[in-house]
Amino acid sequence: MIEIRTAHTGELDAALLKTVRAFLEDVFEGDLSDQDWDHALGGMHVLAWEGSELVGHASLVQRRLLHDGRALRTGYVECVGVRADRRRHGYGAIVMDALERLLRGAYELGALGASDRAVRFYQARGWKAWQGPTSVLTPTGIRRTADQDGAVHVLPLAAPLDLSGDLVCDWREGAAW
């Protein structure tokens, strides 16, 4: 039986955060930088447990994305992962169901940067590839992130969107998207 726990980073004690980070390092096969981990903090976490075993995680943090002259309150999805031996059994969908409920209740837009192997998963859930140019608002101005064009996906909620228009994310250390 799977148990889902939803909690803010501030509600997770240091030991549990250490467990989650170790879990994600395993899920991402060592490709989780300190900045990637930092991007997953400060918002809501969805944790999937089988007994005492963590088997899935996703986090949702607030960001501002600029589109069509508006700064959209955006729920940005980070660090979605399922333990290797539980993949392709619906655990990712269970974690995303809980996360998308949070999105629909609090944000104008959902957004994420999808890896190549996850694109079909997100698209089947209604996420749409951003077709226009992407950029980041840096301390020195707007800078194109052409390498991320096509990798950014959005879940349209309350804001009107032109998927072929410009999309600009707020600045953060490490990967912009």
C-alpha atoms as a PDB file:
ATOM      1  CA  MET A   1       0.000   0.000   0.000  1.00  0.00           C
ATOM      2  CA  ILE A   2       1.295   3.425  -0.929  1.00  0.00           C
ATOM      3  CA  GLU A   3       0.978   6.376   1.435  1.00  0.00           C
ATOM      4  CA  ILE A   4       1.236   9.947   0.143  1.00  0.00           C
ATOM      5  CA  ARG A   5       2.482  12.710   2.403  1.00  0.00           C
ATOM      6  CA  THR A   6       2.305  16.340   1.331  1.00  0.00           C
ATOM      7  CA  ALA A   7       4.294  18.831   3.380  1.00  0.00           C
ATOM      8  CA  HIS A   8       6.118  22.137   3.118  1.00  0.00           C
ATOM      9  CA  THR A   9       9.902  22.057   3.312  1.00  0.00           C
ATOM     10  CA  GLY A  10       9.615  23.773   6.709  1.00  0.00           C
ATOM     11  CA  GLU A  11       7.640  20.812   8.041  1.00  0.00           C
ATOM     12  CA  LEU A  12      10.323  18.272   7.127  1.00  0.00           C
ATOM     13  CA  ASP A  13      12.989  17.709   9.750  1.00  0.00           C
ATOM     14  CA  ALA A  14      16.693  17.548   8.918  1.00  0.00           C
ATOM     15  CA  ALA A  15      16.792  13.737   8.972  1.00  0.00           C
ATOM     16  CA  LEU A  16      13.913  13.431   6.510  1.00  0.00           C
ATOM     17  CA  LEU A  17      15.420  16.066   4.207  1.00  0.00           C
ATOM     18  CA  LYS A  18      18.674  14.090   4.252  1.00  0.00           C
ATOM     19  CA  THR A  19      16.710  10.944   3.336  1.00  0.00           C
ATOM     20  CA  VAL A  20      14.935  12.732   0.487  1.00  0.00           C
ATOM     21  CA  ARG A  21      18.186  14.119  -0.895  1.00  0.00           C
ATOM     22  CA  ALA A  22      19.863  10.698  -0.781  1.00  0.00           C
ATOM     23  CA  PHE A  23      16.793   9.215  -2.489  1.00  0.00           C
ATOM     24  CA  LEU A  24      16.968  11.816  -5.272  1.00  0.00           C
ATOM     25  CA  GLU A  25      20.711  11.334  -5.732  1.00  0.00           C
ATOM     26  CA  ASP A  26      20.001   7.647  -6.259  1.00  0.00           C
ATOM     27  CA  VAL A  27      17.039   8.295  -8.591  1.00  0.00           C
ATOM     28  CA  PHE A  28      19.068  10.729 -10.695  1.00  0.00           C
ATOM     29  CA  GLU A  29      22.117   8.440 -10.624  1.00  0.00           C
ATOM     30  CA  GLY A  30      24.405  11.016  -9.028  1.00  0.00           C
ATOM     31  CA  ASP A  31      23.283  13.841 -11.336  1.00  0.00           C
ATOM     32  CA  LEU A  32      21.794  16.059  -8.598  1.00  0.00           C
ATOM     33  CA  SER A  33      23.842  19.179  -7.857  1.00  0.00           C
ATOM     34  CA  ASP A  34      23.610  21.276  -4.710  1.00  0.00           C
ATOM     35  CA  GLN A  35      21.792  23.879  -6.817  1.00  0.00           C
ATOM     36  CA  ASP A  36      19.313  21.287  -8.134  1.00  0.00           C
ATOM     37  CA  TRP A  37      18.576  20.297  -4.544  1.00  0.00           C
ATOM     38  CA  ASP A  38      18.230  23.946  -3.511  1.00  0.00           C
ATOM     39  CA  HIS A  39      15.688  24.495  -6.327  1.00  0.00           C
ATOM     40  CA  ALA A  40      13.484  21.769  -4.805  1.00  0.00           C
ATOM     41  CA  LEU A  41      13.338  23.460  -1.399  1.00  0.00           C
ATOM     42  CA  GLY A  42      11.084  26.184  -0.028  1.00  0.00           C
ATOM     43  CA  GLY A  43       7.793  24.854  -1.329  1.00  0.00           C
ATOM     44  CA  MET A  44       5.620  21.781  -1.109  1.00  0.00           C
ATOM     45  CA  HIS A  45       6.873  18.202  -1.317  1.00  0.00           C
ATOM     46  CA  VAL A  46       4.871  15.154  -2.281  1.00  0.00           C
ATOM     47  CA  LEU A  47       6.399  12.020  -0.786  1.00  0.00           C
ATOM     48  CA  ALA A  48       5.279   8.510  -1.692  1.00  0.00           C
ATOM     49  CA  TRP A  49       5.986   5.787   0.865  1.00  0.00           C
ATOM     50  CA  GLU A  50       5.629   2.023   0.884  1.00  0.00           C
ATOM     51  CA  GLY A  51       5.860   1.278   4.557  1.00  0.00           C
ATOM     52  CA  SER A  52       9.101   2.922   5.689  1.00  0.00           C
ATOM     53  CA  GLU A  53      10.547   3.055   2.152  1.00  0.00           C
ATOM     54  CA  LEU A  54      10.498   6.294   0.176  1.00  0.00           C
ATOM     55  CA  VAL A  55       9.554   5.365  -3.405  1.00  0.00           C
ATOM     56  CA  GLY A  56       8.584   8.695  -5.003  1.00  0.00           C
ATOM     57  CA  HIS A  57       9.068  12.437  -4.684  1.00  0.00           C
ATOM     58  CA  ALA A  58       8.130  15.700  -6.370  1.00  0.00           C
ATOM     59  CA  SER A  59       8.314  19.272  -5.192  1.00  0.00           C
ATOM     60  CA  LEU A  60       6.471  22.428  -6.155  1.00  0.00           C
ATOM     61  CA  VAL A  61       7.984  25.871  -5.667  1.00  0.00           C
ATOM     62  CA  GLN A  62       6.618  29.284  -6.531  1.00  0.00           C
ATOM     63  CA  ARG A  63       8.276  31.229  -9.327  1.00  0.00           C
ATOM     64  CA  ARG A  64       7.329  34.175 -11.515  1.00  0.00           C
ATOM     65  CA  LEU A  65       7.288  33.630 -15.252  1.00  0.00           C
ATOM     66  CA  LEU A  66       6.874  36.586 -17.586  1.00  0.00           C
ATOM     67  CA  HIS A  67       4.545  36.153 -20.531  1.00  0.00           C
ATOM     68  CA  ASP A  68       2.591  38.601 -22.639  1.00  0.00           C
ATOM     69  CA  GLY A  69       3.291  41.533 -20.326  1.00  0.00           C
ATOM     70  CA  ARG A  70       2.336  39.684 -17.123  1.00  0.00           C
ATOM     71  CA  ALA A  71       4.266  38.182 -14.228  1.00  0.00           C
ATOM     72  CA  LEU A  72       2.449  34.887 -13.703  1.00  0.00           C
ATOM     73  CA  ARG A  73       2.312  33.200 -10.295  1.00  0.00           C
ATOM     74  CA  THR A  74       3.722  29.873 -11.348  1.00  0.00           C
ATOM     75  CA  GLY A  75       3.977  26.560  -9.562  1.00  0.00           C
ATOM     76  CA  TYR A  76       7.278  25.158 -10.800  1.00  0.00           C
ATOM     77  CA  VAL A  77       7.794  21.403 -10.552  1.00  0.00           C
ATOM     78  CA  GLU A  78      11.174  20.137  -9.371  1.00  0.00           C
ATOM     79  CA  CYS A  79      12.854  16.819  -8.592  1.00  0.00           C
ATOM     80  CA  VAL A  80      10.184  14.386  -9.736  1.00  0.00           C
ATOM     81  CA  GLY A  81      11.512  10.895  -9.249  1.00  0.00           C
ATOM     82  CA  VAL A  82      10.505   7.311  -8.604  1.00  0.00           C
ATOM     83  CA  ARG A  83      12.760   4.585  -7.266  1.00  0.00           C
ATOM     84  CA  ALA A  84      14.123   2.513 -10.163  1.00  0.00           C
ATOM     85  CA  ASP A  85      12.413  -0.737  -9.128  1.00  0.00           C
ATOM     86  CA  ARG A  86       9.026   1.012  -8.914  1.00  0.00           C
ATOM     87  CA  ARG A  87       9.064   2.810 -12.266  1.00  0.00           C
ATOM     88  CA  ARG A  88       6.338   2.141 -14.846  1.00  0.00           C
ATOM     89  CA  HIS A  89       3.888   1.002 -12.155  1.00  0.00           C
ATOM     90  CA  GLY A  90       1.919   4.236 -11.690  1.00  0.00           C
ATOM     91  CA  TYR A  91       3.925   5.759  -8.836  1.00  0.00           C
ATOM     92  CA  GLY A  92       4.912   8.809 -10.898  1.00  0.00           C
ATOM     93  CA  ALA A  93       1.252   9.405 -11.747  1.00  0.00           C
ATOM     94  CA  ILE A  94       0.259   9.122  -8.077  1.00  0.00           C
ATOM     95  CA  VAL A  95       2.881  11.694  -7.055  1.00  0.00           C
ATOM     96  CA  MET A  96       1.937  14.035  -9.914  1.00  0.00           C
ATOM     97  CA  ASP A  97      -1.804  13.712  -9.125  1.00  0.00           C
ATOM     98  CA  ALA A  98      -1.147  15.120  -5.655  1.00  0.00           C
ATOM     99  CA  LEU A  99       1.176  17.804  -6.961  1.00  0.00           C
ATOM    100  CA  GLU A 100      -1.239  18.889  -9.706  1.00  0.00           C
ATOM    101  CA  ARG A 101      -4.028  19.286  -7.111  1.00  0.00           C
ATOM    102  CA  LEU A 102      -1.773  21.812  -5.357  1.00  0.00           C
ATOM    103  CA  LEU A 103      -1.080  23.542  -8.667  1.00  0.00           C
ATOM    104  CA  ARG A 104      -4.746  23.886  -9.556  1.00  0.00           C
ATOM    105  CA  GLY A 105      -5.576  25.342  -6.162  1.00  0.00           C
ATOM    106  CA  ALA A 106      -2.878  27.998  -5.945  1.00  0.00           C
ATOM    107  CA  TYR A 107      -1.317  29.024  -9.254  1.00  0.00           C
ATOM    108  CA  GLU A 108      -2.046  30.674 -12.589  1.00  0.00           C
ATOM    109  CA  LEU A 109       0.328  28.347 -14.410  1.00  0.00           C
ATOM    110  CA  GLY A 110       2.275  25.156 -13.884  1.00  0.00           C
ATOM    111  CA  ALA A 111       5.721  24.804 -15.442  1.00  0.00           C
ATOM    112  CA  LEU A 112       8.653  22.402 -15.493  1.00  0.00           C
ATOM    113  CA  GLY A 113      11.756  21.504 -17.426  1.00  0.00           C
ATOM    114  CA  ALA A 114      11.265  17.985 -18.813  1.00  0.00           C
ATOM    115  CA  SER A 115      14.035  15.529 -19.562  1.00  0.00           C
ATOM    116  CA  ASP A 116      13.790  13.753 -22.903  1.00  0.00           C
ATOM    117  CA  ARG A 117      12.704  10.502 -21.274  1.00  0.00           C
ATOM    118  CA  ALA A 118       9.916  12.207 -19.277  1.00  0.00           C
ATOM    119  CA  VAL A 119       8.286  14.238 -22.085  1.00  0.00           C
ATOM    120  CA  ARG A 120       5.679  11.610 -23.022  1.00  0.00           C
ATOM    121  CA  PHE A 121       4.720  11.153 -19.360  1.00  0.00           C
ATOM    122  CA  TYR A 122       4.014  14.869 -18.889  1.00  0.00           C
ATOM    123  CA  GLN A 123       2.306  15.325 -22.243  1.00  0.00           C
ATOM    124  CA  ALA A 124      -0.061  12.425 -21.479  1.00  0.00           C
ATOM    125  CA  ARG A 125      -1.057  14.356 -18.323  1.00  0.00           C
ATOM    126  CA  GLY A 126      -1.959  17.495 -20.289  1.00  0.00           C
ATOM    127  CA  TRP A 127       1.332  19.372 -20.015  1.00  0.00           C
ATOM    128  CA  LYS A 128       2.191  21.254 -23.203  1.00  0.00           C
ATOM    129  CA  ALA A 129       5.612  21.947 -24.678  1.00  0.00           C
ATOM    130  CA  TRP A 130       6.346  25.658 -24.826  1.00  0.00           C
ATOM    131  CA  GLN A 131       6.876  26.373 -28.517  1.00  0.00           C
ATOM    132  CA  GLY A 132       8.161  29.933 -28.325  1.00  0.00           C
ATOM    133  CA  PRO A 133      11.522  31.279 -27.236  1.00  0.00           C
ATOM    134  CA  THR A 134      12.588  30.919 -23.602  1.00  0.00           C
ATOM    135  CA  SER A 135      14.728  33.338 -21.630  1.00  0.00           C
ATOM    136  CA  VAL A 136      15.793  34.170 -18.098  1.00  0.00           C
ATOM    137  CA  LEU A 137      15.658  37.555 -16.353  1.00  0.00           C
ATOM    138  CA  THR A 138      19.216  37.839 -15.011  1.00  0.00           C
ATOM    139  CA  PRO A 139      20.642  40.601 -12.797  1.00  0.00           C
ATOM    140  CA  THR A 140      22.008  42.173 -16.014  1.00  0.00           C
ATOM    141  CA  GLY A 141      18.850  41.800 -18.105  1.00  0.00           C
ATOM    142  CA  ILE A 142      16.990  39.236 -20.160  1.00  0.00           C
ATOM    143  CA  ARG A 143      19.164  36.453 -21.622  1.00  0.00           C
ATOM    144  CA  ARG A 144      17.932  33.841 -24.096  1.00  0.00           C
ATOM    145  CA  THR A 145      17.989  30.200 -23.000  1.00  0.00           C
ATOM    146  CA  ALA A 146      17.792  28.692 -26.481  1.00  0.00           C
ATOM    147  CA  ASP A 147      19.173  25.394 -25.176  1.00  0.00           C
ATOM    148  CA  GLN A 148      15.931  25.036 -23.185  1.00  0.00           C
ATOM    149  CA  ASP A 149      13.576  25.749 -26.081  1.00  0.00           C
ATOM    150  CA  GLY A 150      11.289  22.749 -26.394  1.00  0.00           C
ATOM    151  CA  ALA A 151      12.206  21.354 -22.961  1.00  0.00           C
ATOM    152  CA  VAL A 152       9.971  23.700 -20.966  1.00  0.00           C
ATOM    153  CA  HIS A 153       6.447  22.395 -20.452  1.00  0.00           C
ATOM    154  CA  VAL A 154       3.462  24.210 -19.015  1.00  0.00           C
ATOM    155  CA  LEU A 155       0.162  23.197 -17.522  1.00  0.00           C
ATOM    156  CA  PRO A 156      -2.300  25.937 -18.495  1.00  0.00           C
ATOM    157  CA  LEU A 157      -4.487  26.903 -15.560  1.00  0.00           C
ATOM    158  CA  ALA A 158      -5.957  30.405 -15.140  1.00  0.00           C
ATOM    159  CA  ALA A 159      -3.709  32.549 -17.327  1.00  0.00           C
ATOM    160  CA  PRO A 160      -4.293  33.006 -21.054  1.00  0.00           C
ATOM    161  CA  LEU A 161      -1.259  31.700 -22.945  1.00  0.00           C
ATOM    162  CA  ASP A 162       0.208  31.962 -26.399  1.00  0.00           C
ATOM    163  CA  LEU A 163       2.450  28.880 -26.475  1.00  0.00           C
ATOM    164  CA  SER A 164       4.414  30.382 -29.368  1.00  0.00           C
ATOM    165  CA  GLY A 165       5.146  33.628 -27.470  1.00  0.00           C
ATOM    166  CA  ASP A 166       8.099  34.546 -25.286  1.00  0.00           C
ATOM    167  CA  LEU A 167       8.434  32.954 -21.849  1.00  0.00           C
ATOM    168  CA  VAL A 168      10.898  34.393 -19.333  1.00  0.00           C
ATOM    169  CA  CYS A 169      11.704  32.826 -15.968  1.00  0.00           C
ATOM    170  CA  ASP A 170      12.973  34.551 -12.863  1.00  0.00           C
ATOM    171  CA  TRP A 171      16.662  34.349 -11.972  1.00  0.00           C
ATOM    172  CA  ARG A 172      18.159  31.701  -9.725  1.00  0.00           C
ATOM    173  CA  GLU A 173      21.614  30.201  -9.297  1.00  0.00           C
ATOM    174  CA  GLY A 174      22.322  27.150 -11.453  1.00  0.00           C
ATOM    175  CA  ALA A 175      19.954  25.962 -14.154  1.00  0.00           C
ATOM    176  CA  ALA A 176      17.466  28.704 -15.033  1.00  0.00           C
ATOM    177  CA  TRP A 177      14.794  26.210 -15.988  1.00  0.00           C
END
